N, C-alpha and C. Protein backbone atom coordinates (compact mmCIF):
# COMPACT_ATOMS: atom_id res chain seq x y z
N UNK A 1 -34.97 8.76 -9.29
CA UNK A 1 -33.69 8.38 -9.27
C UNK A 1 -33.12 7.65 -10.20
N UNK A 2 -34.13 6.89 -11.20
CA UNK A 2 -33.44 6.30 -11.93
C UNK A 2 -33.00 7.06 -13.10
N UNK A 3 -33.04 8.16 -13.20
CA UNK A 3 -32.17 9.36 -14.08
C UNK A 3 -30.66 9.45 -13.65
N UNK A 4 -30.42 8.62 -12.76
CA UNK A 4 -28.96 8.69 -12.14
C UNK A 4 -28.11 7.31 -11.99
N UNK A 5 -27.10 7.16 -12.61
CA UNK A 5 -26.16 6.20 -12.48
C UNK A 5 -24.97 6.22 -11.59
N UNK A 6 -24.66 5.40 -10.69
CA UNK A 6 -23.91 5.39 -9.48
C UNK A 6 -22.67 4.53 -10.08
N UNK A 7 -21.34 5.06 -9.87
CA UNK A 7 -20.25 4.07 -10.12
C UNK A 7 -18.97 4.96 -9.52
N UNK A 8 -17.80 4.15 -9.63
CA UNK A 8 -16.81 4.48 -9.35
C UNK A 8 -16.08 5.57 -10.26
N UNK A 9 -15.83 6.37 -10.05
CA UNK A 9 -14.97 7.72 -10.34
C UNK A 9 -13.84 7.41 -11.33
N UNK A 10 -13.76 7.76 -12.74
CA UNK A 10 -12.66 7.66 -13.53
C UNK A 10 -11.61 8.83 -13.47
N UNK A 11 -10.58 8.53 -13.93
CA UNK A 11 -9.38 9.50 -13.67
C UNK A 11 -9.80 11.05 -14.50
N UNK A 12 -10.75 10.89 -15.63
CA UNK A 12 -11.12 11.88 -16.34
C UNK A 12 -12.16 12.72 -15.38
N UNK A 13 -12.61 12.17 -14.32
CA UNK A 13 -13.60 13.03 -13.40
C UNK A 13 -12.84 13.84 -12.56
N UNK A 14 -11.70 13.83 -12.06
CA UNK A 14 -11.11 14.39 -10.84
C UNK A 14 -11.26 16.02 -11.06
N UNK A 15 -10.86 16.50 -12.35
CA UNK A 15 -11.24 17.72 -12.51
C UNK A 15 -12.45 18.48 -12.00
N UNK A 16 -13.44 17.68 -12.61
CA UNK A 16 -14.85 18.17 -11.96
C UNK A 16 -15.01 17.79 -10.60
N UNK A 17 -14.51 17.03 -10.03
CA UNK A 17 -14.94 16.87 -8.68
C UNK A 17 -14.42 17.43 -8.04
N UNK A 18 -12.92 17.82 -8.33
CA UNK A 18 -12.27 19.13 -7.52
C UNK A 18 -12.76 20.51 -7.78
N UNK A 19 -13.31 20.92 -9.21
CA UNK A 19 -14.29 22.00 -8.92
C UNK A 19 -15.47 21.88 -8.20
N UNK A 20 -16.31 21.11 -7.90
CA UNK A 20 -17.38 20.94 -7.54
C UNK A 20 -17.29 20.82 -5.99
N UNK A 21 -16.28 20.45 -5.49
CA UNK A 21 -15.72 20.60 -3.93
C UNK A 21 -15.12 21.93 -3.57
N UNK A 22 -14.67 22.56 -4.37
CA UNK A 22 -14.23 24.06 -4.26
C UNK A 22 -15.47 24.89 -4.18
N UNK A 23 -16.61 24.60 -5.14
CA UNK A 23 -17.79 25.49 -5.14
C UNK A 23 -18.38 25.26 -3.99
N UNK A 24 -18.90 23.69 -3.61
CA UNK A 24 -20.12 23.23 -3.09
C UNK A 24 -19.75 23.07 -1.81
N UNK A 25 -18.19 22.63 -1.30
CA UNK A 25 -17.88 22.21 0.01
C UNK A 25 -17.03 23.13 0.67
N UNK A 26 -15.98 23.88 -0.29
CA UNK A 26 -14.97 24.39 0.52
C UNK A 26 -15.09 26.13 0.10
N UNK A 27 -16.03 26.44 -0.14
CA UNK A 27 -16.41 27.85 -0.48
C UNK A 27 -16.10 28.63 0.72
N UNK A 28 -15.19 29.60 0.60
CA UNK A 28 -14.58 30.84 1.55
C UNK A 28 -13.32 30.02 2.35
N UNK A 29 -12.98 28.70 1.71
CA UNK A 29 -11.82 28.24 2.44
C UNK A 29 -10.77 28.11 1.20
N UNK A 30 -9.40 27.95 1.50
CA UNK A 30 -8.50 27.45 0.49
C UNK A 30 -8.59 26.04 0.39
N UNK A 31 -8.38 26.05 -1.18
CA UNK A 31 -8.94 24.73 -1.63
C UNK A 31 -7.92 23.69 -1.09
N UNK A 32 -8.80 22.28 -0.49
CA UNK A 32 -7.88 21.46 -0.17
C UNK A 32 -7.91 19.92 -0.89
N UNK A 33 -8.85 20.06 -1.76
CA UNK A 33 -9.08 19.00 -2.53
C UNK A 33 -8.93 19.40 -4.40
N UNK A 34 -7.38 19.81 -4.56
CA UNK A 34 -7.32 19.95 -5.69
C UNK A 34 -7.26 18.78 -6.58
N UNK A 35 -7.53 18.87 -7.99
CA UNK A 35 -7.59 17.50 -9.14
C UNK A 35 -6.33 16.44 -8.42
N UNK A 36 -5.12 16.89 -8.23
CA UNK A 36 -4.46 16.03 -7.96
C UNK A 36 -4.41 15.05 -6.74
N UNK A 37 -5.23 15.66 -5.77
CA UNK A 37 -5.58 15.19 -4.39
C UNK A 37 -6.86 13.93 -4.89
N UNK A 38 -7.72 14.64 -5.46
CA UNK A 38 -8.78 13.53 -6.16
C UNK A 38 -8.08 12.47 -6.82
N UNK A 39 -7.19 12.66 -8.09
CA UNK A 39 -6.56 11.67 -8.91
C UNK A 39 -5.77 10.48 -7.66
N UNK A 40 -5.30 11.03 -6.61
CA UNK A 40 -4.59 10.24 -5.74
C UNK A 40 -5.43 9.44 -5.13
N UNK A 41 -6.87 9.81 -4.73
CA UNK A 41 -7.90 8.79 -3.89
C UNK A 41 -8.37 7.83 -4.91
N UNK A 42 -8.40 8.40 -6.43
CA UNK A 42 -9.33 7.38 -7.20
C UNK A 42 -8.11 6.25 -7.30
N UNK A 43 -6.75 6.58 -7.19
CA UNK A 43 -5.77 5.19 -7.50
C UNK A 43 -5.67 4.53 -6.07
N UNK A 44 -6.21 5.18 -5.05
CA UNK A 44 -5.82 4.48 -3.37
C UNK A 44 -6.44 3.45 -3.39
N UNK A 45 -5.99 2.39 -3.13
CA UNK A 45 -7.08 0.93 -2.78
C UNK A 45 -7.68 1.06 -1.78
N UNK A 46 -7.41 2.07 -0.67
CA UNK A 46 -8.04 1.98 0.36
C UNK A 46 -9.17 3.26 0.46
N UNK A 47 -9.34 3.77 -0.86
CA UNK A 47 -10.44 4.69 -0.88
C UNK A 47 -11.31 4.56 -2.03
N UNK A 48 -12.64 4.85 -2.04
CA UNK A 48 -13.46 4.74 -3.05
C UNK A 48 -13.81 6.34 -3.58
N UNK A 49 -13.82 6.79 -4.52
CA UNK A 49 -14.41 7.53 -5.04
C UNK A 49 -15.59 7.47 -5.99
N UNK A 50 -16.83 8.13 -5.52
CA UNK A 50 -18.04 7.36 -6.11
C UNK A 50 -18.68 8.75 -6.76
N UNK A 51 -19.12 8.45 -7.98
CA UNK A 51 -19.72 9.44 -8.81
C UNK A 51 -21.56 9.16 -8.99
N UNK A 52 -22.33 10.19 -9.25
CA UNK A 52 -23.38 10.03 -9.44
C UNK A 52 -23.77 10.82 -10.78
N UNK A 53 -23.90 10.03 -12.10
CA UNK A 53 -24.13 10.45 -13.37
C UNK A 53 -25.33 10.95 -13.56
N UNK A 54 -25.38 11.95 -14.30
CA UNK A 54 -27.08 12.21 -15.03
C UNK A 54 -26.89 11.91 -16.11
N UNK A 55 -27.79 12.03 -16.90
CA UNK A 55 -28.11 12.01 -18.37
C UNK A 55 -26.80 12.97 -19.06
N UNK A 56 -26.37 12.22 -20.11
CA UNK A 56 -25.14 12.96 -21.00
C UNK A 56 -24.09 13.02 -19.98
N UNK A 57 -23.71 11.94 -19.14
CA UNK A 57 -22.57 11.96 -18.44
C UNK A 57 -22.19 13.07 -17.44
N UNK A 58 -23.31 13.71 -17.29
CA UNK A 58 -23.16 15.33 -16.25
C UNK A 58 -22.79 14.66 -15.06
N UNK A 59 -21.82 15.12 -14.49
CA UNK A 59 -21.51 14.53 -12.93
C UNK A 59 -22.62 15.69 -11.92
N UNK A 60 -23.47 14.67 -11.51
CA UNK A 60 -24.53 15.32 -10.35
C UNK A 60 -24.11 15.31 -9.20
N UNK A 61 -23.37 14.44 -8.63
CA UNK A 61 -22.62 14.20 -7.51
C UNK A 61 -21.62 13.32 -7.29
N UNK A 62 -21.09 13.69 -5.94
CA UNK A 62 -19.86 12.76 -5.82
C UNK A 62 -19.51 12.12 -4.31
N UNK A 63 -18.67 11.15 -3.94
CA UNK A 63 -18.36 11.03 -2.69
C UNK A 63 -16.97 10.32 -2.44
N UNK A 64 -16.21 10.82 -1.60
CA UNK A 64 -15.00 10.09 -1.26
C UNK A 64 -15.05 9.48 -0.10
N UNK A 65 -14.59 8.44 -0.01
CA UNK A 65 -14.25 7.69 1.40
C UNK A 65 -13.30 6.89 1.34
N UNK A 66 -12.58 7.18 2.63
CA UNK A 66 -11.23 6.60 3.04
C UNK A 66 -11.53 5.40 3.78
N UNK A 67 -11.22 4.27 3.46
CA UNK A 67 -11.46 3.03 4.53
C UNK A 67 -10.23 2.75 5.17
N UNK A 68 -10.35 2.36 6.46
CA UNK A 68 -9.33 1.87 7.24
C UNK A 68 -9.63 0.67 8.00
N UNK A 69 -8.85 0.07 8.85
CA UNK A 69 -9.28 -1.14 9.45
C UNK A 69 -10.70 -1.31 10.07
N UNK A 70 -10.57 -0.34 11.29
CA UNK A 70 -11.78 -0.12 12.39
C UNK A 70 -12.75 0.57 11.76
N UNK A 71 -12.62 1.51 10.88
CA UNK A 71 -13.36 2.51 10.26
C UNK A 71 -13.53 3.10 9.04
N UNK A 72 -14.32 3.63 8.51
CA UNK A 72 -14.13 4.54 7.40
C UNK A 72 -14.43 6.07 7.46
N UNK A 73 -14.03 6.79 6.78
CA UNK A 73 -13.75 8.33 7.19
C UNK A 73 -14.46 8.75 5.79
N UNK A 74 -15.87 9.40 5.55
CA UNK A 74 -16.32 9.89 4.64
C UNK A 74 -15.61 11.61 4.65
N UNK A 75 -15.08 11.59 3.68
CA UNK A 75 -14.10 12.80 3.33
C UNK A 75 -14.87 13.91 2.79
N UNK A 76 -15.61 13.52 1.75
CA UNK A 76 -16.37 14.66 1.06
C UNK A 76 -17.45 14.07 0.75
N UNK A 77 -18.74 14.83 0.47
CA UNK A 77 -19.93 14.45 -0.46
C UNK A 77 -20.50 15.82 -0.77
N UNK A 78 -20.99 15.79 -2.36
CA UNK A 78 -21.40 17.02 -2.58
C UNK A 78 -22.38 16.51 -3.64
N UNK A 79 -23.53 17.07 -4.04
CA UNK A 79 -24.31 17.11 -5.18
C UNK A 79 -24.77 18.26 -5.71
N UNK A 80 -24.65 18.71 -6.99
CA UNK A 80 -24.92 19.86 -7.75
C UNK A 80 -26.31 20.42 -7.15
N UNK A 81 -26.48 21.76 -7.11
CA UNK A 81 -27.80 22.00 -6.70
C UNK A 81 -28.74 21.69 -7.37
N UNK A 82 -29.12 21.58 -8.57
CA UNK A 82 -30.19 21.48 -9.32
C UNK A 82 -30.20 19.81 -9.62
N UNK A 83 -29.52 19.07 -8.72
CA UNK A 83 -29.97 17.89 -8.80
C UNK A 83 -30.22 17.44 -7.09
N UNK A 84 -30.02 18.13 -6.39
CA UNK A 84 -30.46 18.00 -4.89
C UNK A 84 -32.19 17.55 -4.92
N UNK A 85 -32.51 16.97 -3.43
CA UNK A 85 -33.57 16.66 -2.99
C UNK A 85 -34.41 15.76 -4.20
N UNK A 86 -33.44 14.80 -4.88
CA UNK A 86 -33.96 13.74 -5.57
C UNK A 86 -33.11 12.70 -5.17
N UNK A 87 -32.64 12.45 -4.14
CA UNK A 87 -32.28 11.00 -3.47
C UNK A 87 -30.74 10.68 -3.99
N UNK A 88 -30.22 11.75 -4.63
CA UNK A 88 -28.69 11.46 -5.15
C UNK A 88 -27.83 11.17 -3.59
N UNK A 89 -27.80 12.10 -2.98
CA UNK A 89 -26.90 12.05 -1.77
C UNK A 89 -27.25 10.90 -1.14
N UNK A 90 -28.41 10.53 -0.98
CA UNK A 90 -28.73 9.18 -0.11
C UNK A 90 -28.07 8.03 -0.59
N UNK A 91 -28.11 8.24 -1.77
CA UNK A 91 -27.81 6.67 -2.61
C UNK A 91 -26.30 6.79 -2.61
N UNK A 92 -25.54 7.89 -2.41
CA UNK A 92 -24.41 7.67 -2.87
C UNK A 92 -23.88 7.33 -1.37
N UNK A 93 -24.33 8.00 -0.08
CA UNK A 93 -24.20 7.25 1.25
C UNK A 93 -24.62 5.88 1.60
N UNK A 94 -25.49 5.61 0.85
CA UNK A 94 -25.89 4.06 1.09
C UNK A 94 -24.75 3.11 0.55
N UNK A 95 -24.45 3.28 -0.79
CA UNK A 95 -23.47 2.40 -1.46
C UNK A 95 -22.33 2.45 -0.79
N UNK A 96 -21.65 3.73 -0.02
CA UNK A 96 -20.53 3.61 0.68
C UNK A 96 -20.71 2.79 1.98
N UNK A 97 -21.73 3.16 2.68
CA UNK A 97 -21.97 1.94 3.98
C UNK A 97 -22.06 0.74 3.20
N UNK A 98 -22.78 0.41 2.48
CA UNK A 98 -22.49 -1.32 1.69
C UNK A 98 -21.27 -1.52 1.70
N UNK A 99 -20.47 -0.91 1.05
CA UNK A 99 -19.08 -1.13 0.63
C UNK A 99 -18.35 -1.45 2.23
N UNK A 100 -18.80 -0.67 2.80
CA UNK A 100 -17.97 -0.58 4.52
C UNK A 100 -18.38 -1.99 5.09
N UNK A 101 -19.60 -2.30 5.09
CA UNK A 101 -20.06 -3.39 5.45
C UNK A 101 -19.53 -4.83 4.84
N UNK A 102 -19.35 -4.71 3.61
CA UNK A 102 -18.78 -5.75 2.96
C UNK A 102 -17.55 -5.87 3.17
N UNK A 103 -16.65 -4.80 3.47
CA UNK A 103 -15.09 -4.93 3.93
C UNK A 103 -15.08 -5.05 5.50
N UNK A 104 -16.07 -5.22 6.28
CA UNK A 104 -15.62 -5.41 7.58
C UNK A 104 -15.48 -4.26 8.42
N UNK A 105 -15.86 -3.20 7.75
CA UNK A 105 -15.41 -1.97 8.20
C UNK A 105 -16.76 -1.26 8.71
N UNK A 106 -17.54 -1.34 10.06
CA UNK A 106 -18.87 -0.83 10.53
C UNK A 106 -18.66 0.54 10.95
N UNK A 107 -17.95 1.01 11.18
CA UNK A 107 -18.17 2.41 11.89
C UNK A 107 -17.41 3.55 10.84
N UNK A 108 -18.26 4.56 10.63
CA UNK A 108 -17.99 5.61 9.69
C UNK A 108 -18.04 6.81 10.33
N UNK A 109 -16.98 7.74 10.05
CA UNK A 109 -17.20 9.17 10.76
C UNK A 109 -16.75 10.11 9.57
N UNK A 110 -17.26 11.22 9.88
CA UNK A 110 -17.33 12.50 9.17
C UNK A 110 -16.97 13.65 9.82
N UNK A 111 -16.81 14.79 9.29
CA UNK A 111 -16.77 16.23 9.64
C UNK A 111 -17.92 17.17 8.72
N UNK A 112 -18.19 17.96 9.29
CA UNK A 112 -19.18 18.93 8.21
C UNK A 112 -19.12 20.49 9.23
N UNK A 113 -19.47 21.21 8.67
CA UNK A 113 -19.26 22.93 8.89
C UNK A 113 -20.49 23.05 10.03
N UNK A 114 -20.29 23.55 10.91
CA UNK A 114 -21.22 23.72 12.14
C UNK A 114 -22.27 24.56 11.76
N UNK A 115 -22.03 25.48 10.74
CA UNK A 115 -23.23 26.23 10.22
C UNK A 115 -24.02 25.36 9.06
N UNK A 116 -23.92 24.44 8.53
CA UNK A 116 -24.29 23.42 7.58
C UNK A 116 -25.48 22.58 8.27
N UNK A 117 -26.49 23.40 8.76
CA UNK A 117 -27.82 22.79 9.27
C UNK A 117 -28.44 21.74 8.36
N UNK A 118 -28.60 22.16 6.97
CA UNK A 118 -29.17 20.99 6.17
C UNK A 118 -28.71 19.79 6.21
N UNK A 119 -27.02 20.19 6.25
CA UNK A 119 -26.17 18.67 6.00
C UNK A 119 -26.38 17.69 7.45
N UNK A 120 -26.39 18.54 8.47
CA UNK A 120 -26.50 17.95 10.02
C UNK A 120 -28.01 17.24 9.81
N UNK A 121 -29.03 17.76 9.48
CA UNK A 121 -30.15 17.15 9.35
C UNK A 121 -30.30 15.97 8.63
N UNK A 122 -29.58 16.22 7.02
CA UNK A 122 -29.34 14.91 6.29
C UNK A 122 -28.85 13.74 6.86
N UNK A 123 -27.59 13.99 7.52
CA UNK A 123 -26.75 12.97 8.12
C UNK A 123 -27.46 12.14 9.45
N UNK A 124 -28.20 13.26 10.19
CA UNK A 124 -29.14 12.51 11.25
C UNK A 124 -30.14 11.53 10.74
N UNK A 125 -30.82 12.04 9.70
CA UNK A 125 -32.17 11.16 9.34
C UNK A 125 -31.38 10.05 9.02
N UNK A 126 -30.20 9.85 8.49
CA UNK A 126 -29.32 8.84 8.05
C UNK A 126 -28.94 7.77 9.14
N UNK A 127 -29.21 8.35 10.00
CA UNK A 127 -28.58 7.58 11.43
C UNK A 127 -27.48 8.09 11.98
N UNK A 128 -26.70 9.06 11.37
CA UNK A 128 -25.63 9.56 12.26
C UNK A 128 -25.78 10.49 13.29
N UNK A 129 -24.73 10.45 14.29
CA UNK A 129 -24.83 11.13 15.59
C UNK A 129 -23.72 11.85 15.69
N UNK A 130 -23.93 13.11 16.29
CA UNK A 130 -22.91 14.19 16.85
C UNK A 130 -22.05 13.27 17.91
N UNK A 131 -20.77 13.29 17.76
CA UNK A 131 -19.80 12.72 18.49
C UNK A 131 -18.85 13.70 19.17
N UNK A 132 -18.63 14.93 18.55
CA UNK A 132 -18.04 15.70 19.13
C UNK A 132 -17.99 17.31 18.18
N UNK A 133 -17.35 18.36 18.49
CA UNK A 133 -17.19 19.57 17.57
C UNK A 133 -15.81 19.83 18.00
N UNK A 134 -15.14 20.33 16.78
CA UNK A 134 -13.80 20.58 16.52
C UNK A 134 -13.58 21.87 16.49
N UNK A 135 -13.33 23.02 17.42
CA UNK A 135 -13.17 24.63 17.27
C UNK A 135 -12.13 24.95 16.14
N UNK A 136 -12.44 25.65 15.29
CA UNK A 136 -11.82 26.05 14.29
C UNK A 136 -11.09 25.18 13.05
N UNK A 137 -12.06 24.17 13.10
CA UNK A 137 -11.42 22.94 12.25
C UNK A 137 -11.13 23.48 10.81
N UNK A 138 -11.96 24.21 10.32
CA UNK A 138 -11.79 24.79 8.98
C UNK A 138 -11.06 25.86 8.90
N UNK A 139 -9.86 25.98 9.03
CA UNK A 139 -9.06 27.00 8.80
C UNK A 139 -8.82 28.07 10.05
N UNK A 140 -9.23 27.66 10.88
CA UNK A 140 -10.02 28.37 12.19
C UNK A 140 -10.74 29.45 12.04
N UNK A 141 -11.61 29.16 11.12
CA UNK A 141 -12.61 30.01 10.26
C UNK A 141 -13.88 29.65 11.10
N UNK A 142 -13.96 28.34 11.08
CA UNK A 142 -15.27 27.80 11.33
C UNK A 142 -14.92 26.46 12.11
N UNK A 143 -16.08 26.04 12.81
CA UNK A 143 -16.03 24.77 13.74
C UNK A 143 -16.56 23.62 12.83
N UNK A 144 -15.88 22.49 13.39
CA UNK A 144 -16.68 21.29 12.65
C UNK A 144 -17.47 20.68 13.52
N UNK A 145 -18.85 19.77 13.07
CA UNK A 145 -19.47 18.82 13.99
C UNK A 145 -18.85 17.59 13.55
N UNK A 146 -18.33 16.35 14.34
CA UNK A 146 -17.78 15.44 13.97
C UNK A 146 -19.12 14.44 14.15
N UNK A 147 -19.31 13.63 13.33
CA UNK A 147 -20.58 12.86 13.23
C UNK A 147 -20.17 11.18 12.93
N UNK A 148 -20.74 10.34 13.42
CA UNK A 148 -20.49 8.83 13.23
C UNK A 148 -21.52 7.78 13.26
N UNK A 149 -21.57 6.82 12.53
CA UNK A 149 -22.51 5.82 12.63
C UNK A 149 -22.07 4.31 12.48
N UNK A 150 -22.44 3.48 13.57
CA UNK A 150 -21.98 2.09 13.02
C UNK A 150 -23.22 1.62 11.87
N UNK A 151 -22.88 1.24 10.82
CA UNK A 151 -23.78 0.70 9.95
C UNK A 151 -24.53 -0.47 9.92
N UNK A 152 -24.04 -1.53 11.06
CA UNK A 152 -24.54 -3.13 11.09
C UNK A 152 -26.04 -2.40 11.61
N UNK A 153 -26.75 -3.35 10.91
CA UNK A 153 -28.17 -3.42 11.09
C UNK A 153 -28.57 -2.90 12.71
N UNK A 154 -29.45 -2.11 12.99
CA UNK A 154 -29.81 -1.93 14.77
C UNK A 154 -28.53 -1.60 15.41
N UNK A 155 -27.77 -1.09 14.93
CA UNK A 155 -26.56 -0.87 15.91
C UNK A 155 -26.46 0.96 15.95
N UNK A 156 -26.20 1.32 17.03
CA UNK A 156 -26.11 3.08 17.29
C UNK A 156 -24.36 3.18 17.75
N UNK A 157 -24.04 4.08 17.02
CA UNK A 157 -22.43 4.39 17.14
C UNK A 157 -21.97 4.12 19.11
N UNK A 158 -20.97 3.53 19.16
CA UNK A 158 -20.60 3.48 20.71
C UNK A 158 -20.14 4.44 21.29
N UNK A 159 -19.77 5.60 20.84
CA UNK A 159 -19.39 6.75 21.62
C UNK A 159 -19.82 8.04 21.48
N UNK A 160 -19.48 9.08 22.23
CA UNK A 160 -20.27 10.52 22.01
C UNK A 160 -21.67 10.35 22.75
N UNK A 161 -22.30 11.43 22.63
CA UNK A 161 -23.61 11.33 23.51
C UNK A 161 -24.65 11.19 22.80
N UNK A 162 -24.31 10.94 21.35
CA UNK A 162 -25.58 10.55 20.91
C UNK A 162 -26.61 11.34 20.44
N UNK A 163 -26.46 12.80 20.71
CA UNK A 163 -27.09 13.70 20.47
C UNK A 163 -27.44 14.17 18.78
N UNK A 164 -28.61 14.40 18.48
CA UNK A 164 -28.50 14.90 17.11
C UNK A 164 -29.64 16.50 17.12
N UNK A 165 -28.77 17.23 16.68
CA UNK A 165 -29.49 18.57 16.79
C UNK A 165 -30.04 19.12 15.50
N UNK A 166 -31.48 19.58 15.43
CA UNK A 166 -32.07 20.01 13.94
C UNK A 166 -32.30 21.33 14.07
């Protein structure tokens, strides 16, 4: 993991983030994270757009989280295929969780495609639990699984059935 550097996104990263999102997250759907929306998130004071860079400034991965008063929402997380299984996604999430703790925001929620079994296992391994399903969430084409975690040490998110399918 020492080959990667994490830090806030720059405005110049917005296009690459949007293209990665379109290819890795929004495949088969209408793009909902165009460059302009990523730029707005980079500029928004209650958002964090975090990047993981490999050598030569290559964008290896990114995450976008929106912070609220009571909880934060992880909007997007993606790692380029040739950088997977190297701890990049885990480090991105850990950075955002630490930011949430610092901000006094202890709950984090997210949605993911119901068919994305690898992502479900990843989030479960990090302590996230399924709190619901949303039929047709992705353009009425695919259902979403809603997950949450209380990031305070030793805490379990306080609602939902707490199950985690593998």
